[in-house]
Amino acid sequence: QVIGKVPEGSDYSKRWENAEEALGSD
């Protein structure tokens, strides 16, 4: 929902992913 509404070409998906990887899925 969120990434679909941020500007195309931005790095928000990667930043979100980095945060998830740092914490782990659970």
PDB file of all heavy atoms in Angstrom:
ATOM      1  N   GLN A   1       0.817  -1.212   0.000  1.00  0.00           N
ATOM      2  CA  GLN A   1       0.000   0.000   0.000  1.00  0.00           C
ATOM      3  C   GLN A   1       0.856   1.270   0.000  1.00  0.00           C
ATOM      4  O   GLN A   1       0.565   2.227  -0.710  1.00  0.00           O
ATOM      5  CB  GLN A   1      -0.920   0.009   1.218  1.00  0.00           C
ATOM      6  CG  GLN A   1      -1.974  -1.084   1.212  1.00  0.00           C
ATOM      7  CD  GLN A   1      -2.820  -1.023   2.455  1.00  0.00           C
ATOM      8  OE1 GLN A   1      -2.355  -1.308   3.553  1.00  0.00           O
ATOM      9  NE2 GLN A   1      -4.076  -0.654   2.299  1.00  0.00           N
ATOM     10  N   VAL A   2       1.900   1.249   0.808  1.00  0.00           N
ATOM     11  CA  VAL A   2       2.716   2.458   0.978  1.00  0.00           C
ATOM     12  C   VAL A   2       3.592   2.719  -0.238  1.00  0.00           C
ATOM     13  O   VAL A   2       3.602   3.822  -0.789  1.00  0.00           O
ATOM     14  CB  VAL A   2       3.586   2.349   2.245  1.00  0.00           C
ATOM     15  CG1 VAL A   2       4.577   3.508   2.325  1.00  0.00           C
ATOM     16  CG2 VAL A   2       2.711   2.315   3.487  1.00  0.00           C
ATOM     17  N   ILE A   3       4.340   1.707  -0.676  1.00  0.00           N
ATOM     18  CA  ILE A   3       5.314   1.913  -1.746  1.00  0.00           C
ATOM     19  C   ILE A   3       4.626   2.241  -3.056  1.00  0.00           C
ATOM     20  O   ILE A   3       5.176   2.952  -3.901  1.00  0.00           O
ATOM     21  CB  ILE A   3       6.226   0.679  -1.897  1.00  0.00           C
ATOM     22  CG1 ILE A   3       6.951   0.407  -0.572  1.00  0.00           C
ATOM     23  CG2 ILE A   3       7.236   0.876  -3.015  1.00  0.00           C
ATOM     24  CD1 ILE A   3       7.779   1.565  -0.056  1.00  0.00           C
ATOM     25  N   GLY A   4       3.395   1.747  -3.215  1.00  0.00           N
ATOM     26  CA  GLY A   4       2.640   2.092  -4.426  1.00  0.00           C
ATOM     27  C   GLY A   4       2.247   3.552  -4.493  1.00  0.00           C
ATOM     28  O   GLY A   4       1.822   4.025  -5.551  1.00  0.00           O
ATOM     29  N   LYS A   5       2.390   4.289  -3.373  1.00  0.00           N
ATOM     30  CA  LYS A   5       1.961   5.688  -3.347  1.00  0.00           C
ATOM     31  C   LYS A   5       3.116   6.676  -3.149  1.00  0.00           C
ATOM     32  O   LYS A   5       2.884   7.856  -2.923  1.00  0.00           O
ATOM     33  CB  LYS A   5       0.918   5.887  -2.242  1.00  0.00           C
ATOM     34  CG  LYS A   5      -0.395   5.146  -2.514  1.00  0.00           C
ATOM     35  CD  LYS A   5      -1.445   5.451  -1.462  1.00  0.00           C
ATOM     36  CE  LYS A   5      -2.745   4.716  -1.739  1.00  0.00           C
ATOM     37  NZ  LYS A   5      -3.403   5.142  -2.986  1.00  0.00           N
ATOM     38  N   VAL A   6       4.349   6.185  -3.222  1.00  0.00           N
ATOM     39  CA  VAL A   6       5.495   7.092  -3.162  1.00  0.00           C
ATOM     40  C   VAL A   6       5.989   7.329  -4.576  1.00  0.00           C
ATOM     41  O   VAL A   6       5.676   6.566  -5.501  1.00  0.00           O
ATOM     42  CB  VAL A   6       6.630   6.523  -2.274  1.00  0.00           C
ATOM     43  CG1 VAL A   6       6.148   6.355  -0.847  1.00  0.00           C
ATOM     44  CG2 VAL A   6       7.158   5.216  -2.836  1.00  0.00           C
ATOM     45  N   PRO A   7       6.768   8.381  -4.811  1.00  0.00           N
ATOM     46  CA  PRO A   7       7.219   8.691  -6.180  1.00  0.00           C
ATOM     47  C   PRO A   7       7.994   7.536  -6.812  1.00  0.00           C
ATOM     48  O   PRO A   7       8.796   6.868  -6.150  1.00  0.00           O
ATOM     49  CB  PRO A   7       8.130   9.916  -5.970  1.00  0.00           C
ATOM     50  CG  PRO A   7       7.652  10.523  -4.692  1.00  0.00           C
ATOM     51  CD  PRO A   7       7.199   9.387  -3.830  1.00  0.00           C
ATOM     52  N   GLU A   8       7.722   7.287  -8.081  1.00  0.00           N
ATOM     53  CA  GLU A   8       8.455   6.243  -8.802  1.00  0.00           C
ATOM     54  C   GLU A   8       9.933   6.592  -8.861  1.00  0.00           C
ATOM     55  O   GLU A   8      10.314   7.750  -8.972  1.00  0.00           O
ATOM     56  CB  GLU A   8       7.900   6.089 -10.222  1.00  0.00           C
ATOM     57  CG  GLU A   8       6.559   5.376 -10.273  1.00  0.00           C
ATOM     58  CD  GLU A   8       6.178   5.020 -11.695  1.00  0.00           C
ATOM     59  OE1 GLU A   8       7.090   4.842 -12.519  1.00  0.00           O
ATOM     60  OE2 GLU A   8       4.972   4.929 -11.969  1.00  0.00           O
ATOM     61  N   GLY A   9      10.760   5.552  -8.799  1.00  0.00           N
ATOM     62  CA  GLY A   9      12.203   5.763  -8.871  1.00  0.00           C
ATOM     63  C   GLY A   9      12.836   6.125  -7.552  1.00  0.00           C
ATOM     64  O   GLY A   9      14.055   6.290  -7.471  1.00  0.00           O
ATOM     65  N   SER A  10      12.034   6.252  -6.485  1.00  0.00           N
ATOM     66  CA  SER A  10      12.591   6.588  -5.173  1.00  0.00           C
ATOM     67  C   SER A  10      13.187   5.327  -4.545  1.00  0.00           C
ATOM     68  O   SER A  10      12.982   4.214  -5.025  1.00  0.00           O
ATOM     69  CB  SER A  10      11.511   7.168  -4.265  1.00  0.00           C
ATOM     70  OG  SER A  10      10.545   6.176  -3.959  1.00  0.00           O
ATOM     71  N   ASP A  11      13.911   5.503  -3.465  1.00  0.00           N
ATOM     72  CA  ASP A  11      14.560   4.364  -2.807  1.00  0.00           C
ATOM     73  C   ASP A  11      13.789   3.890  -1.588  1.00  0.00           C
ATOM     74  O   ASP A  11      14.331   3.198  -0.731  1.00  0.00           O
ATOM     75  CB  ASP A  11      15.990   4.731  -2.398  1.00  0.00           C
ATOM     76  CG  ASP A  11      16.036   5.848  -1.346  1.00  0.00           C
ATOM     77  OD1 ASP A  11      14.988   6.471  -1.089  1.00  0.00           O
ATOM     78  OD2 ASP A  11      17.125   6.080  -0.806  1.00  0.00           O
ATOM     79  N   TYR A  12      12.494   4.236  -1.500  1.00  0.00           N
ATOM     80  CA  TYR A  12      11.733   3.878  -0.308  1.00  0.00           C
ATOM     81  C   TYR A  12      11.595   2.367  -0.138  1.00  0.00           C
ATOM     82  O   TYR A  12      11.631   1.857   0.979  1.00  0.00           O
ATOM     83  CB  TYR A  12      10.349   4.535  -0.346  1.00  0.00           C
ATOM     84  CG  TYR A  12      10.401   5.986   0.069  1.00  0.00           C
ATOM     85  CD1 TYR A  12      10.478   6.998  -0.882  1.00  0.00           C
ATOM     86  CD2 TYR A  12      10.408   6.336   1.418  1.00  0.00           C
ATOM     87  CE1 TYR A  12      10.553   8.330  -0.503  1.00  0.00           C
ATOM     88  CE2 TYR A  12      10.481   7.670   1.808  1.00  0.00           C
ATOM     89  CZ  TYR A  12      10.551   8.665   0.839  1.00  0.00           C
ATOM     90  OH  TYR A  12      10.630   9.973   1.222  1.00  0.00           O
ATOM     91  N   SER A  13      11.423   1.648  -1.244  1.00  0.00           N
ATOM     92  CA  SER A  13      11.308   0.196  -1.137  1.00  0.00           C
ATOM     93  C   SER A  13      12.579  -0.406  -0.551  1.00  0.00           C
ATOM     94  O   SER A  13      12.529  -1.271   0.333  1.00  0.00           O
ATOM     95  CB  SER A  13      11.029  -0.415  -2.510  1.00  0.00           C
ATOM     96  OG  SER A  13      10.972  -1.817  -2.415  1.00  0.00           O
ATOM     97  N   LYS A  14      13.720   0.063  -1.021  1.00  0.00           N
ATOM     98  CA  LYS A  14      14.994  -0.472  -0.544  1.00  0.00           C
ATOM     99  C   LYS A  14      15.204  -0.123   0.935  1.00  0.00           C
ATOM    100  O   LYS A  14      15.682  -0.944   1.717  1.00  0.00           O
ATOM    101  CB  LYS A  14      16.133   0.070  -1.396  1.00  0.00           C
ATOM    102  CG  LYS A  14      17.487  -0.562  -1.100  1.00  0.00           C
ATOM    103  CD  LYS A  14      18.538  -0.111  -2.109  1.00  0.00           C
ATOM    104  CE  LYS A  14      18.215  -0.616  -3.501  1.00  0.00           C
ATOM    105  NZ  LYS A  14      19.298  -0.293  -4.470  1.00  0.00           N
ATOM    106  N   ARG A  15      14.832   1.094   1.329  1.00  0.00           N
ATOM    107  CA  ARG A  15      15.000   1.495   2.721  1.00  0.00           C
ATOM    108  C   ARG A  15      14.080   0.683   3.631  1.00  0.00           C
ATOM    109  O   ARG A  15      14.465   0.278   4.735  1.00  0.00           O
ATOM    110  CB  ARG A  15      14.733   2.990   2.864  1.00  0.00           C
ATOM    111  CG  ARG A  15      15.829   3.842   2.204  1.00  0.00           C
ATOM    112  CD  ARG A  15      15.366   5.273   1.978  1.00  0.00           C
ATOM    113  NE  ARG A  15      15.075   5.950   3.232  1.00  0.00           N
ATOM    114  CZ  ARG A  15      14.366   7.074   3.312  1.00  0.00           C
ATOM    115  NH1 ARG A  15      13.854   7.616   2.213  1.00  0.00           N
ATOM    116  NH2 ARG A  15      14.166   7.647   4.477  1.00  0.00           N
ATOM    117  N   TRP A  16      12.863   0.458   3.185  1.00  0.00           N
ATOM    118  CA  TRP A  16      11.921  -0.396   3.931  1.00  0.00           C
ATOM    119  C   TRP A  16      12.531  -1.782   4.106  1.00  0.00           C
ATOM    120  O   TRP A  16      12.522  -2.359   5.192  1.00  0.00           O
ATOM    121  CB  TRP A  16      10.609  -0.470   3.154  1.00  0.00           C
ATOM    122  CG  TRP A  16       9.515  -1.281   3.779  1.00  0.00           C
ATOM    123  CD1 TRP A  16       9.541  -2.608   4.103  1.00  0.00           C
ATOM    124  CD2 TRP A  16       8.205  -0.811   4.158  1.00  0.00           C
ATOM    125  NE1 TRP A  16       8.346  -3.011   4.640  1.00  0.00           N
ATOM    126  CE2 TRP A  16       7.503  -1.927   4.684  1.00  0.00           C
ATOM    127  CE3 TRP A  16       7.551   0.422   4.086  1.00  0.00           C
ATOM    128  CZ2 TRP A  16       6.189  -1.828   5.135  1.00  0.00           C
ATOM    129  CZ3 TRP A  16       6.245   0.503   4.534  1.00  0.00           C
ATOM    130  CH2 TRP A  16       5.574  -0.606   5.059  1.00  0.00           C
ATOM    131  N   GLU A  17      13.049  -2.315   3.009  1.00  0.00           N
ATOM    132  CA  GLU A  17      13.620  -3.657   2.997  1.00  0.00           C
ATOM    133  C   GLU A  17      14.827  -3.761   3.929  1.00  0.00           C
ATOM    134  O   GLU A  17      15.016  -4.757   4.636  1.00  0.00           O
ATOM    135  CB  GLU A  17      14.064  -3.985   1.578  1.00  0.00           C
ATOM    136  CG  GLU A  17      13.727  -5.385   1.149  1.00  0.00           C
ATOM    137  CD  GLU A  17      13.768  -5.452  -0.348  1.00  0.00           C
ATOM    138  OE1 GLU A  17      14.886  -5.535  -0.874  1.00  0.00           O
ATOM    139  OE2 GLU A  17      12.710  -5.380  -0.979  1.00  0.00           O
ATOM    140  N   ASN A  18      15.665  -2.744   3.911  1.00  0.00           N
ATOM    141  CA  ASN A  18      16.839  -2.738   4.789  1.00  0.00           C
ATOM    142  C   ASN A  18      16.425  -2.789   6.257  1.00  0.00           C
ATOM    143  O   ASN A  18      17.052  -3.471   7.073  1.00  0.00           O
ATOM    144  CB  ASN A  18      17.699  -1.497   4.523  1.00  0.00           C
ATOM    145  CG  ASN A  18      18.407  -1.549   3.179  1.00  0.00           C
ATOM    146  OD1 ASN A  18      18.543  -2.622   2.584  1.00  0.00           O
ATOM    147  ND2 ASN A  18      18.839  -0.410   2.694  1.00  0.00           N
ATOM    148  N   ALA A  19      15.356  -2.056   6.586  1.00  0.00           N
ATOM    149  CA  ALA A  19      14.860  -2.072   7.965  1.00  0.00           C
ATOM    150  C   ALA A  19      14.345  -3.459   8.333  1.00  0.00           C
ATOM    151  O   ALA A  19      14.607  -3.963   9.427  1.00  0.00           O
ATOM    152  CB  ALA A  19      13.755  -1.030   8.138  1.00  0.00           C
ATOM    153  N   GLU A  20      13.631  -4.098   7.421  1.00  0.00           N
ATOM    154  CA  GLU A  20      13.108  -5.441   7.682  1.00  0.00           C
ATOM    155  C   GLU A  20      14.243  -6.448   7.832  1.00  0.00           C
ATOM    156  O   GLU A  20      14.220  -7.319   8.703  1.00  0.00           O
ATOM    157  CB  GLU A  20      12.166  -5.883   6.579  1.00  0.00           C
ATOM    158  CG  GLU A  20      11.581  -7.260   6.819  1.00  0.00           C
ATOM    159  CD  GLU A  20      10.501  -7.644   5.827  1.00  0.00           C
ATOM    160  OE1 GLU A  20      10.346  -6.943   4.815  1.00  0.00           O
ATOM    161  OE2 GLU A  20       9.823  -8.660   6.066  1.00  0.00           O
ATOM    162  N   GLU A  21      15.257  -6.320   6.981  1.00  0.00           N
ATOM    163  CA  GLU A  21      16.380  -7.246   7.049  1.00  0.00           C
ATOM    164  C   GLU A  21      17.141  -7.087   8.369  1.00  0.00           C
ATOM    165  O   GLU A  21      17.610  -8.061   8.952  1.00  0.00           O
ATOM    166  CB  GLU A  21      17.323  -7.023   5.866  1.00  0.00           C
ATOM    167  CG  GLU A  21      18.438  -8.055   5.768  1.00  0.00           C
ATOM    168  CD  GLU A  21      19.236  -7.929   4.485  1.00  0.00           C
ATOM    169  OE1 GLU A  21      18.725  -7.352   3.515  1.00  0.00           O
ATOM    170  OE2 GLU A  21      20.370  -8.423   4.463  1.00  0.00           O
ATOM    171  N   ALA A  22      17.255  -5.839   8.840  1.00  0.00           N
ATOM    172  CA  ALA A  22      17.970  -5.596  10.093  1.00  0.00           C
ATOM    173  C   ALA A  22      17.266  -6.236  11.281  1.00  0.00           C
ATOM    174  O   ALA A  22      17.907  -6.719  12.221  1.00  0.00           O
ATOM    175  CB  ALA A  22      18.129  -4.094  10.327  1.00  0.00           C
ATOM    176  N   LEU A  23      15.932  -6.262  11.244  1.00  0.00           N
ATOM    177  CA  LEU A  23      15.166  -6.795  12.374  1.00  0.00           C
ATOM    178  C   LEU A  23      14.816  -8.265  12.214  1.00  0.00           C
ATOM    179  O   LEU A  23      14.661  -8.981  13.205  1.00  0.00           O
ATOM    180  CB  LEU A  23      13.873  -5.989  12.563  1.00  0.00           C
ATOM    181  CG  LEU A  23      14.023  -4.534  12.988  1.00  0.00           C
ATOM    182  CD1 LEU A  23      12.653  -3.886  13.145  1.00  0.00           C
ATOM    183  CD2 LEU A  23      14.796  -4.432  14.289  1.00  0.00           C
ATOM    184  N   GLY A  24      14.670  -8.717  10.974  1.00  0.00           N
ATOM    185  CA  GLY A  24      14.128 -10.055  10.745  1.00  0.00           C
ATOM    186  C   GLY A  24      12.621  -9.973  10.644  1.00  0.00           C
ATOM    187  O   GLY A  24      11.981  -9.066  11.190  1.00  0.00           O
ATOM    188  N   SER A  25      12.027 -10.935   9.949  1.00  0.00           N
ATOM    189  CA  SER A  25      10.600 -10.873   9.639  1.00  0.00           C
ATOM    190  C   SER A  25       9.717 -10.819  10.882  1.00  0.00           C
ATOM    191  O   SER A  25       8.790 -10.017  10.967  1.00  0.00           O
ATOM    192  CB  SER A  25      10.209 -12.082   8.773  1.00  0.00           C
ATOM    193  OG  SER A  25       8.832 -12.057   8.477  1.00  0.00           O
ATOM    194  N   ASP A  26       9.998 -11.660  11.882  1.00  0.00           N
ATOM    195  CA  ASP A  26       9.133 -11.713  13.066  1.00  0.00           C
ATOM    196  C   ASP A  26       9.190 -10.414  13.863  1.00  0.00           C
ATOM    197  O   ASP A  26       8.146  -9.865  14.256  1.00  0.00           O
ATOM    198  CB  ASP A  26       9.530 -12.888  13.959  1.00  0.00           C
ATOM    199  CG  ASP A  26       9.192 -14.234  13.332  1.00  0.00           C
ATOM    200  OD1 ASP A  26       8.394 -14.260  12.381  1.00  0.00           O
ATOM    201  OD2 ASP A  26       9.744 -15.250  13.792  1.00  0.00           O
TER     202      ASP A  26
END
